[in-house]
Amino acid sequence: MVFNKNEIKAAKIVLNRSHNPAVRNFDKTYMNSMITGHKEALVKLNAKIQEVRDGSLTNHLLMTSQHVAVHLKKTENIEQRL
């Protein structure tokens, strides 16, 4: 298999990121921020779901809540690997 210059450069960047403590700290901080934001969004969405009386809006909020919950799970999984 032959790699072009851009692929080699990208691979070196990824390898260097994983060994740089400042980058790892930034990544952890960023992911923690994403986790907090997703949790806050879920709380707000679930509160609105209880308030809303329009069926189509309730369905939309439920679907959005499920989507945010999936993102939250993914961010938690990524954060655990950092």
N, C-alpha and C. Protein backbone atom coordinates (compact mmCIF):
# COMPACT_ATOMS: atom_id res chain seq x y z
N MET A 1 0.85 -1.17 0.00
CA MET A 1 0.00 0.00 0.00
C MET A 1 0.89 1.23 0.00
N VAL A 2 0.55 2.21 -0.81
CA VAL A 2 1.32 3.44 -0.92
C VAL A 2 0.48 4.59 -0.38
N PHE A 3 1.11 5.41 0.46
CA PHE A 3 0.43 6.56 1.05
C PHE A 3 0.96 7.83 0.41
N ASN A 4 0.06 8.79 0.18
CA ASN A 4 0.53 10.06 -0.37
C ASN A 4 1.05 10.95 0.77
N LYS A 5 1.65 12.08 0.41
CA LYS A 5 2.26 12.98 1.39
C LYS A 5 1.25 13.47 2.42
N ASN A 6 0.03 13.79 1.98
CA ASN A 6 -0.99 14.30 2.90
C ASN A 6 -1.42 13.24 3.92
N GLU A 7 -1.53 11.99 3.49
CA GLU A 7 -1.90 10.91 4.40
C GLU A 7 -0.81 10.66 5.44
N ILE A 8 0.44 10.73 5.01
CA ILE A 8 1.57 10.55 5.94
C ILE A 8 1.60 11.71 6.93
N LYS A 9 1.41 12.92 6.44
CA LYS A 9 1.40 14.10 7.31
C LYS A 9 0.28 14.00 8.35
N ALA A 10 -0.92 13.60 7.91
CA ALA A 10 -2.06 13.46 8.83
C ALA A 10 -1.78 12.40 9.89
N ALA A 11 -1.19 11.29 9.50
CA ALA A 11 -0.87 10.23 10.46
C ALA A 11 0.14 10.71 11.49
N LYS A 12 1.13 11.48 11.07
CA LYS A 12 2.12 12.02 12.01
C LYS A 12 1.47 12.98 13.01
N ILE A 13 0.54 13.79 12.52
CA ILE A 13 -0.15 14.73 13.40
C ILE A 13 -0.93 13.97 14.47
N VAL A 14 -1.65 12.93 14.07
CA VAL A 14 -2.43 12.13 15.03
C VAL A 14 -1.51 11.50 16.06
N LEU A 15 -0.40 10.92 15.61
CA LEU A 15 0.53 10.30 16.55
C LEU A 15 1.12 11.32 17.51
N ASN A 16 1.49 12.49 17.00
CA ASN A 16 2.05 13.53 17.86
C ASN A 16 1.03 14.04 18.86
N ARG A 17 -0.23 14.14 18.46
CA ARG A 17 -1.29 14.61 19.38
C ARG A 17 -1.41 13.68 20.57
N SER A 18 -1.33 12.39 20.34
CA SER A 18 -1.55 11.43 21.42
C SER A 18 -0.43 11.45 22.44
N HIS A 19 0.73 12.01 22.09
CA HIS A 19 1.87 12.04 23.01
C HIS A 19 2.08 13.40 23.65
N ASN A 20 1.30 14.36 23.28
CA ASN A 20 1.46 15.72 23.79
C ASN A 20 0.48 15.94 24.95
N PRO A 21 1.01 16.09 26.20
CA PRO A 21 0.13 16.26 27.36
C PRO A 21 -0.80 17.47 27.26
N ALA A 22 -0.33 18.56 26.69
CA ALA A 22 -1.17 19.77 26.57
C ALA A 22 -2.36 19.50 25.66
N VAL A 23 -2.14 18.77 24.59
CA VAL A 23 -3.23 18.44 23.67
C VAL A 23 -4.20 17.48 24.34
N ARG A 24 -3.68 16.47 25.03
CA ARG A 24 -4.57 15.52 25.72
C ARG A 24 -5.41 16.26 26.76
N ASN A 25 -4.82 17.21 27.49
CA ASN A 25 -5.57 17.97 28.48
C ASN A 25 -6.66 18.80 27.81
N PHE A 26 -6.33 19.43 26.68
CA PHE A 26 -7.33 20.19 25.94
C PHE A 26 -8.47 19.28 25.50
N ASP A 27 -8.12 18.11 24.96
CA ASP A 27 -9.14 17.17 24.49
C ASP A 27 -10.07 16.75 25.62
N LYS A 28 -9.50 16.45 26.80
CA LYS A 28 -10.32 16.05 27.95
C LYS A 28 -11.24 17.20 28.37
N THR A 29 -10.69 18.40 28.43
CA THR A 29 -11.48 19.56 28.82
C THR A 29 -12.62 19.80 27.83
N TYR A 30 -12.31 19.70 26.55
CA TYR A 30 -13.32 19.88 25.51
C TYR A 30 -14.42 18.84 25.63
N MET A 31 -14.04 17.57 25.78
CA MET A 31 -15.03 16.51 25.87
C MET A 31 -15.88 16.65 27.14
N ASN A 32 -15.28 17.05 28.25
CA ASN A 32 -16.06 17.28 29.47
C ASN A 32 -17.08 18.39 29.25
N SER A 33 -16.67 19.41 28.51
CA SER A 33 -17.59 20.51 28.19
C SER A 33 -18.75 20.00 27.33
N MET A 34 -18.45 19.14 26.37
CA MET A 34 -19.50 18.58 25.51
C MET A 34 -20.46 17.70 26.33
N ILE A 35 -19.92 16.93 27.25
CA ILE A 35 -20.76 16.08 28.11
C ILE A 35 -21.70 16.95 28.94
N THR A 36 -21.15 17.99 29.55
CA THR A 36 -21.97 18.90 30.36
C THR A 36 -23.05 19.55 29.51
N GLY A 37 -22.69 20.01 28.33
CA GLY A 37 -23.66 20.66 27.44
C GLY A 37 -24.78 19.72 27.01
N HIS A 38 -24.43 18.48 26.70
CA HIS A 38 -25.44 17.51 26.29
C HIS A 38 -26.38 17.16 27.45
N LYS A 39 -25.82 17.05 28.65
CA LYS A 39 -26.67 16.77 29.82
C LYS A 39 -27.63 17.92 30.09
N GLU A 40 -27.13 19.15 29.98
CA GLU A 40 -27.99 20.32 30.18
C GLU A 40 -29.09 20.38 29.12
N ALA A 41 -28.73 20.07 27.89
CA ALA A 41 -29.72 20.07 26.81
C ALA A 41 -30.81 19.03 27.07
N LEU A 42 -30.41 17.84 27.55
CA LEU A 42 -31.40 16.80 27.85
C LEU A 42 -32.36 17.23 28.96
N VAL A 43 -31.83 17.87 29.98
CA VAL A 43 -32.69 18.35 31.07
C VAL A 43 -33.72 19.34 30.53
N LYS A 44 -33.27 20.29 29.71
CA LYS A 44 -34.17 21.29 29.15
C LYS A 44 -35.19 20.66 28.19
N LEU A 45 -34.73 19.75 27.35
CA LEU A 45 -35.64 19.09 26.42
C LEU A 45 -36.70 18.29 27.17
N ASN A 46 -36.29 17.54 28.18
CA ASN A 46 -37.24 16.73 28.92
C ASN A 46 -38.25 17.58 29.68
N ALA A 47 -37.82 18.74 30.17
CA ALA A 47 -38.74 19.66 30.83
C ALA A 47 -39.77 20.19 29.83
N LYS A 48 -39.31 20.55 28.65
CA LYS A 48 -40.23 21.07 27.63
C LYS A 48 -41.20 20.00 27.15
N ILE A 49 -40.72 18.76 27.06
CA ILE A 49 -41.60 17.66 26.64
C ILE A 49 -42.79 17.56 27.57
N GLN A 50 -42.58 17.78 28.86
CA GLN A 50 -43.65 17.71 29.85
C GLN A 50 -44.62 18.89 29.73
N GLU A 51 -44.12 20.04 29.25
CA GLU A 51 -44.94 21.25 29.16
C GLU A 51 -45.76 21.33 27.87
N VAL A 52 -45.22 20.84 26.79
CA VAL A 52 -45.82 21.03 25.46
C VAL A 52 -47.11 20.23 25.33
N ARG A 53 -48.10 20.84 24.70
CA ARG A 53 -49.40 20.19 24.49
C ARG A 53 -49.65 19.83 23.04
N ASP A 54 -48.79 20.31 22.15
CA ASP A 54 -48.93 20.03 20.71
C ASP A 54 -48.24 18.70 20.40
N GLY A 55 -48.99 17.75 19.85
CA GLY A 55 -48.48 16.41 19.61
C GLY A 55 -47.28 16.36 18.67
N SER A 56 -47.31 17.14 17.58
CA SER A 56 -46.20 17.10 16.64
C SER A 56 -44.94 17.72 17.25
N LEU A 57 -45.13 18.76 18.07
CA LEU A 57 -43.98 19.37 18.73
C LEU A 57 -43.41 18.42 19.79
N THR A 58 -44.30 17.74 20.50
CA THR A 58 -43.84 16.74 21.48
C THR A 58 -43.02 15.66 20.80
N ASN A 59 -43.51 15.16 19.66
CA ASN A 59 -42.76 14.14 18.92
C ASN A 59 -41.40 14.65 18.47
N HIS A 60 -41.38 15.89 18.00
CA HIS A 60 -40.11 16.48 17.57
C HIS A 60 -39.14 16.58 18.75
N LEU A 61 -39.62 17.03 19.88
CA LEU A 61 -38.77 17.14 21.07
C LEU A 61 -38.29 15.77 21.54
N LEU A 62 -39.15 14.77 21.46
CA LEU A 62 -38.74 13.41 21.85
C LEU A 62 -37.64 12.89 20.93
N MET A 63 -37.80 13.10 19.64
CA MET A 63 -36.77 12.66 18.69
C MET A 63 -35.45 13.40 18.91
N THR A 64 -35.56 14.69 19.18
CA THR A 64 -34.37 15.49 19.45
C THR A 64 -33.69 15.01 20.73
N SER A 65 -34.48 14.73 21.75
CA SER A 65 -33.94 14.24 23.01
C SER A 65 -33.21 12.92 22.82
N GLN A 66 -33.78 12.03 22.02
CA GLN A 66 -33.12 10.75 21.74
C GLN A 66 -31.81 10.96 20.99
N HIS A 67 -31.81 11.88 20.07
CA HIS A 67 -30.61 12.19 19.29
C HIS A 67 -29.51 12.75 20.21
N VAL A 68 -29.88 13.66 21.09
CA VAL A 68 -28.92 14.24 22.03
C VAL A 68 -28.39 13.16 22.98
N ALA A 69 -29.26 12.24 23.39
CA ALA A 69 -28.83 11.16 24.29
C ALA A 69 -27.80 10.26 23.61
N VAL A 70 -27.97 10.01 22.33
CA VAL A 70 -26.99 9.21 21.57
C VAL A 70 -25.66 9.96 21.51
N HIS A 71 -25.72 11.25 21.25
CA HIS A 71 -24.49 12.06 21.22
C HIS A 71 -23.82 12.06 22.59
N LEU A 72 -24.60 12.16 23.64
CA LEU A 72 -24.05 12.14 24.99
C LEU A 72 -23.30 10.84 25.23
N LYS A 73 -23.89 9.74 24.87
CA LYS A 73 -23.25 8.43 25.07
C LYS A 73 -21.93 8.37 24.30
N LYS A 74 -21.94 8.87 23.07
CA LYS A 74 -20.72 8.87 22.27
C LYS A 74 -19.64 9.74 22.89
N THR A 75 -20.02 10.91 23.38
CA THR A 75 -19.03 11.80 23.99
C THR A 75 -18.47 11.18 25.27
N GLU A 76 -19.32 10.50 26.04
CA GLU A 76 -18.84 9.83 27.25
C GLU A 76 -17.87 8.71 26.90
N ASN A 77 -18.16 7.97 25.84
CA ASN A 77 -17.25 6.89 25.41
C ASN A 77 -15.91 7.45 24.95
N ILE A 78 -15.95 8.54 24.20
CA ILE A 78 -14.70 9.16 23.75
C ILE A 78 -13.91 9.68 24.93
N GLU A 79 -14.58 10.35 25.86
CA GLU A 79 -13.90 10.93 27.02
C GLU A 79 -13.21 9.85 27.86
N GLN A 80 -13.81 8.70 27.97
CA GLN A 80 -13.21 7.60 28.74
C GLN A 80 -11.92 7.09 28.11
N ARG A 81 -11.79 7.24 26.80
CA ARG A 81 -10.61 6.76 26.10
C ARG A 81 -9.47 7.76 26.10
N LEU A 82 -9.71 8.99 26.55
CA LEU A 82 -8.66 10.00 26.55
C LEU A 82 -7.75 9.85 27.75
